[in-house]
Structures are given as structure tokens and as C-alpha cells.
């Protein structure tokens, strides 16, 4: 990316999918880029608007069943997110947004609903709602510290061969099989709220680095102290 151009952050469908503080992911990306002198431009794309193809980092959050179904239908028709990912844009999809990225997910009555097929996953209704703190150890290939957040969902997600598990659960349910989230290329899906990037700034930096290259370090000692306090409160003794 040319040094004089802004990092373009695209927040998808805040009118449909924006629960549990997920819009905080946008604010964290803006802040961590700007602290490094990287200018940002943020686009809040409502569900009646086309998804721009020229963004750098795309974010989509969680939501209830009906808004999730509407979001999937509109994103399939629009096609802008597919084209952005195909050209290398980074994407963080959380909870309902994560499920939408797969081939199918569970609808209001548990019926299968067609997803976007951006990730090789399939989601369905689980036996019970997963609610509470979530702690997971990240795939070593990503070189990230332990993830912390909270989950509130009924879904179970099955990973196909086209993706890798983002992390292995230590506390919580995640995908329902001992793992949490997944990733492929520059796309990350997760059940982590919190918001995820506020509780895991290294994950925010990973998304940024996929678009701008190696990043200079920041003094995160204050945030890391809070992270460790949270981890100590929920991890088994």
C-alpha cells in the first residue's frame, strides 16, 4: 500500500450485525493504525448499501437469527465482499458473521440457511447455548498470544479441509469440537466477543500487518496487564 494512502476499514451492516460491542473492533483498528502514523478511512456500510470492493480490512459482527439471515441474503446478492476477499483484503468475522462466511448455518428454527462460502465451514444449532468466558491457545503458525473473550451463541461449526482452526479452547465451547474459530488466507472467523480486538490487540495487529506489512511495536504494557488480569480470573487454578 502506498505510504500516502489511508488504510480503508469497512464495517459491514452495523444496522443488522453489531451486538456485544463488536463495533469496538473498528475503533481498535483505527487507534492502533493511527498510533503508528497510518491514516485511516472508515466506512460504515448499512444493509441497503453496496459493499465497496476497495477496502483493506473488513469487519462484521454478531446478531440475532433474523438479521443474520437477512445479512447473508444481501451479501450473497451484492458480491462485493467476495470480490474484496478474492483480491486479498483482510476480514474479521465474529459470531453470526463468522457463521455467515461458511456454506450453511442454522436459521430461526434450526433449518439450514445458505451462507457465502468464503470459508470452508458449515454451522448448525448446538444442543445448548454457549455463554461465558472463552480462552483459547492460537495456532502457532500465527504467532499470537492466548486469546480471551466471551461467547454467546447456539452454534456449532464444523471445519472443512480448506481452513485451519484459529485456536484450541482452554475455557469455553467455541466451535464445539475443542477448537475455536478458523482462518484461511487473510480471513479470520471467531466466536469471540469482548470486543475481540480490544481484548486481543495482537490479533488487530495481525489484520493490519496483512495489509501494510511489518508494524513497529507499541507500548501495550497497560493493556497486557488487563489481559493477564482477565486470564487469571477465568483460567483453572
Protein backbone atom coordinates (compact mmCIF):
# COMPACT_ATOMS: atom_id res chain seq x y z
CA UNK A 1 0.00 0.00 0.00
CA UNK A 2 1.45 3.43 -0.91
CA UNK A 3 2.62 5.32 2.16
CA UNK A 4 0.44 8.35 1.37
CA UNK A 5 -2.82 6.39 1.14
CA UNK A 6 -5.18 5.71 4.02
CA UNK A 7 -5.98 2.29 5.41
CA UNK A 8 -9.60 1.66 4.45
CA UNK A 9 -11.63 -0.06 7.18
CA UNK A 10 -15.10 -1.33 6.22
CA UNK A 11 -17.69 -2.10 8.93
CA UNK A 12 -20.35 -4.28 7.32
CA UNK A 13 -24.04 -3.96 8.21
CA UNK A 14 -23.93 -2.26 11.62
CA UNK A 15 -27.74 -2.00 11.36
CA UNK A 16 -28.07 -5.81 11.33
CA UNK A 17 -24.99 -7.30 12.97
CA UNK A 18 -23.44 -5.32 15.82
CA UNK A 19 -24.00 -6.99 19.20
CA UNK A 20 -21.91 -7.25 22.36
CA UNK A 21 -19.73 -4.28 21.49
CA UNK A 22 -18.42 -5.69 18.20
CA UNK A 23 -18.18 -2.19 16.74
CA UNK A 24 -15.31 -1.72 19.18
CA UNK A 25 -13.24 -3.81 16.75
CA UNK A 26 -13.43 -0.90 14.32
CA UNK A 27 -12.27 1.59 16.95
CA UNK A 28 -9.33 -0.60 17.98
CA UNK A 29 -8.12 -0.98 14.39
CA UNK A 30 -8.37 2.78 13.86
CA UNK A 31 -6.48 3.52 17.05
CA UNK A 32 -3.68 1.01 16.53
CA UNK A 33 -3.12 2.18 12.97
CA UNK A 34 -3.18 5.87 13.90
CA UNK A 35 -0.76 5.37 16.82
CA UNK A 36 1.71 4.17 14.20
CA UNK A 37 1.11 7.15 11.93
CA UNK A 38 -1.06 5.20 9.48
CA UNK A 39 -4.05 7.31 8.37
CA UNK A 40 -7.40 5.55 8.25
CA UNK A 41 -10.71 5.96 6.48
CA UNK A 42 -13.67 4.06 7.92
CA UNK A 43 -16.82 3.17 6.00
CA UNK A 44 -19.98 2.07 7.83
CA UNK A 45 -21.88 0.10 5.19
CA UNK A 46 -25.54 -0.36 6.05
CA UNK A 47 -27.52 -3.26 4.66
CA UNK A 48 -29.18 -1.12 1.98
CA UNK A 49 -25.78 -0.03 0.63
CA UNK A 50 -23.39 -1.85 -1.71
CA UNK A 51 -20.25 -3.27 -0.10
CA UNK A 52 -17.23 -1.43 -1.54
CA UNK A 53 -14.58 -3.66 -3.07
CA UNK A 54 -11.60 -1.38 -2.41
CA UNK A 55 -11.30 -1.76 1.37
CA UNK A 56 -8.27 -3.07 3.21
CA UNK A 57 -9.80 -4.59 6.36
CA UNK A 58 -13.44 -5.69 6.59
CA UNK A 59 -15.25 -6.34 9.86
CA UNK A 60 -18.61 -7.97 10.52
CA UNK A 61 -20.14 -8.69 13.92
CA UNK A 62 -22.74 -10.80 15.66
CA UNK A 63 -26.52 -10.61 15.73
CA UNK A 64 -29.80 -12.44 16.15
CA UNK A 65 -31.19 -15.11 13.81
CA UNK A 66 -33.39 -13.00 11.54
CA UNK A 67 -30.84 -10.20 10.96
CA UNK A 68 -28.22 -12.90 10.31
CA UNK A 69 -30.38 -14.46 7.58
CA UNK A 70 -31.06 -11.05 6.01
CA UNK A 71 -27.37 -10.18 6.08
CA UNK A 72 -26.44 -13.44 4.34
CA UNK A 73 -29.04 -12.92 1.63
CA UNK A 74 -27.94 -9.36 0.92
CA UNK A 75 -24.23 -10.14 0.96
CA UNK A 76 -24.75 -13.03 -1.49
CA UNK A 77 -26.66 -10.77 -3.87
CA UNK A 78 -24.18 -7.92 -3.52
CA UNK A 79 -20.96 -9.87 -4.14
CA UNK A 80 -18.71 -7.01 -3.06
CA UNK A 81 -17.27 -8.84 -0.06
CA UNK A 82 -16.45 -11.89 -2.18
CA UNK A 83 -14.55 -9.73 -4.64
CA UNK A 84 -12.69 -7.85 -1.88
CA UNK A 85 -11.53 -11.10 -0.24
CA UNK A 86 -10.54 -12.52 -3.62
CA UNK A 87 -8.17 -9.61 -4.20
CA UNK A 88 -6.52 -10.04 -0.78
CA UNK A 89 -8.44 -7.86 1.67
CA UNK A 90 -8.37 -8.90 5.33
CA UNK A 91 -11.62 -9.91 7.03
CA UNK A 92 -12.58 -10.49 10.68
CA UNK A 93 -15.98 -12.14 11.07
CA UNK A 94 -17.44 -12.57 14.57
CA UNK A 95 -20.13 -14.99 15.79
CA UNK A 96 -23.15 -14.67 13.45
CA UNK A 97 -20.84 -13.02 10.93
CA UNK A 98 -18.45 -15.97 11.27
CA UNK A 99 -21.23 -18.46 10.55
CA UNK A 100 -22.39 -16.48 7.52
CA UNK A 101 -18.97 -16.89 5.90
CA UNK A 102 -19.49 -20.65 5.62
CA UNK A 103 -21.56 -22.74 3.25
CA UNK A 104 -24.54 -23.12 5.63
CA UNK A 105 -25.68 -22.04 9.08
CA UNK A 106 -28.71 -22.69 11.29
CA UNK A 107 -31.75 -20.46 10.82
CA UNK A 108 -34.50 -19.38 13.22
CA UNK A 109 -35.90 -22.91 13.53
CA UNK A 110 -32.57 -24.63 13.05
CA UNK A 111 -33.14 -25.03 9.31
CA UNK A 112 -30.03 -24.83 7.10
CA UNK A 113 -29.54 -21.41 5.50
CA UNK A 114 -27.15 -20.78 2.63
CA UNK A 115 -24.03 -18.84 3.57
CA UNK A 116 -21.46 -17.00 1.47
CA UNK A 117 -18.98 -19.85 1.01
CA UNK A 118 -16.00 -17.60 1.73
CA UNK A 119 -14.80 -20.06 4.39
CA UNK A 120 -14.88 -23.85 4.16
CA UNK A 121 -17.08 -24.28 7.23
CA UNK A 122 -20.65 -25.35 8.00
CA UNK A 123 -22.56 -24.31 11.13
CA UNK A 124 -25.72 -25.61 12.75
CA UNK A 125 -27.65 -25.40 16.02
CA UNK A 126 -25.91 -26.94 19.01
CA UNK A 127 -27.54 -28.80 21.91
CA UNK A 128 -27.29 -25.84 24.31
CA UNK A 129 -26.36 -22.17 24.31
CA UNK A 130 -22.70 -21.46 24.92
CA UNK A 131 -22.41 -18.45 27.23
CA UNK A 132 -19.42 -17.22 29.18
CA UNK A 133 -15.72 -16.54 29.06
CA UNK A 134 -13.68 -18.05 26.26
CA UNK A 135 -9.93 -18.65 26.40
CA UNK A 136 -8.03 -20.32 23.56
CA UNK A 137 -4.44 -21.04 22.51
CA UNK A 138 -3.75 -19.85 18.99
CA UNK A 139 -2.33 -21.91 16.14
CA UNK A 140 1.45 -21.48 16.46
CA UNK A 141 1.71 -20.51 12.77
CA UNK A 142 0.04 -17.18 13.59
CA UNK A 143 2.44 -16.32 16.45
CA UNK A 144 -0.23 -14.75 18.66
CA UNK A 145 -0.68 -14.85 22.44
CA UNK A 146 -3.60 -16.59 24.16
CA UNK A 147 -6.98 -15.26 23.03
CA UNK A 148 -9.52 -14.04 25.56
CA UNK A 149 -13.14 -13.00 25.08
CA UNK A 150 -16.67 -14.14 25.73
CA UNK A 151 -19.17 -16.14 23.72
CA UNK A 152 -22.96 -16.19 23.49
CA UNK A 153 -24.23 -18.46 20.73
CA UNK A 154 -26.18 -21.61 19.91
CA UNK A 155 -23.97 -22.67 17.02
CA UNK A 156 -21.55 -25.48 16.41
CA UNK A 157 -19.16 -25.05 13.50
CA UNK A 158 -17.51 -27.83 11.52
CA UNK A 159 -14.27 -27.01 9.69
CA UNK A 160 -13.53 -28.33 6.22
CA UNK A 161 -10.08 -29.01 4.76
CA UNK A 162 -9.90 -25.51 3.28
CA UNK A 163 -9.43 -23.80 6.66
CA UNK A 164 -7.33 -24.20 9.80
CA UNK A 165 -8.57 -23.90 13.37
CA UNK A 166 -7.74 -20.47 14.76
CA UNK A 167 -7.15 -21.78 18.28
CA UNK A 168 -7.68 -24.62 20.75
CA UNK A 169 -10.16 -23.95 23.52
CA UNK A 170 -8.93 -23.89 27.13
CA UNK A 171 -12.10 -22.42 28.63
CA UNK A 172 -15.43 -22.29 26.81
CA UNK A 173 -17.10 -24.01 23.86
CA UNK A 174 -16.00 -22.23 20.66
CA UNK A 175 -16.74 -24.34 17.59
CA UNK A 176 -17.96 -27.17 19.79
CA UNK A 177 -15.16 -29.63 18.99
CA UNK A 178 -12.36 -28.41 21.23
CA UNK A 179 -11.31 -25.65 18.84
CA UNK A 180 -12.33 -22.02 18.38
CA UNK A 181 -12.70 -20.13 15.13
CA UNK A 182 -10.79 -20.68 11.92
CA UNK A 183 -8.67 -18.88 9.36
CA UNK A 184 -7.77 -19.15 5.70
CA UNK A 185 -5.65 -16.67 3.78
CA UNK A 186 -6.43 -13.24 5.23
CA UNK A 187 -9.84 -14.25 6.62
CA UNK A 188 -10.40 -14.92 10.34
CA UNK A 189 -13.65 -16.21 11.84
CA UNK A 190 -14.28 -16.41 15.57
CA UNK A 191 -16.96 -16.61 18.25
CA UNK A 192 -15.00 -14.12 20.38
CA UNK A 193 -16.80 -11.01 21.55
CA UNK A 194 -15.33 -8.64 24.06
CA UNK A 195 -14.90 -6.89 21.63
CA UNK A 196 -12.33 -9.34 20.31
CA UNK A 197 -9.71 -6.81 19.19
CA UNK A 198 -9.90 -4.76 22.39
CA UNK A 199 -9.13 -7.86 24.43
CA UNK A 200 -6.60 -9.16 21.90
CA UNK A 201 -4.68 -6.24 20.33
CA UNK A 202 -2.14 -8.63 18.78
CA UNK A 203 -4.96 -10.02 16.64
CA UNK A 204 -5.73 -6.48 15.49
CA UNK A 205 -2.08 -6.04 14.56
CA UNK A 206 -2.14 -9.27 12.57
CA UNK A 207 -5.02 -7.96 10.45
CA UNK A 208 -3.21 -4.66 9.94
CA UNK A 209 0.06 -6.36 9.00
CA UNK A 210 -1.67 -8.36 6.29
CA UNK A 211 -2.36 -5.05 4.53
CA UNK A 212 0.51 -2.73 5.47
CA UNK A 213 3.38 -5.11 6.18
CA UNK A 214 5.58 -5.26 9.26
CA UNK A 215 4.43 -2.94 12.05
CA UNK A 216 6.56 -1.04 14.55
CA UNK A 217 5.85 -2.19 18.13
CA UNK A 218 3.61 -0.25 20.51
CA UNK A 219 3.84 0.06 24.27
CA UNK A 220 0.96 -2.21 25.28
CA UNK A 221 2.02 -2.77 28.89
CA UNK A 222 -1.18 -1.26 30.28
CA UNK A 223 -3.40 -3.40 28.05
CA UNK A 224 -1.35 -6.53 28.69
CA UNK A 225 -1.77 -6.08 32.45
CA UNK A 226 -5.54 -6.02 31.97
CA UNK A 227 -5.35 -9.07 29.71
CA UNK A 228 -3.41 -11.03 32.27
CA UNK A 229 -5.85 -9.99 35.00
CA UNK A 230 -8.74 -11.30 32.93
CA UNK A 231 -6.96 -14.54 32.08
CA UNK A 232 -6.07 -15.15 35.72
CA UNK A 233 -9.71 -14.66 36.68
CA UNK A 234 -11.03 -17.34 34.32
CA UNK A 235 -8.25 -19.89 33.85
CA UNK A 236 -8.30 -23.01 36.05
CA UNK A 237 -6.01 -22.74 39.08
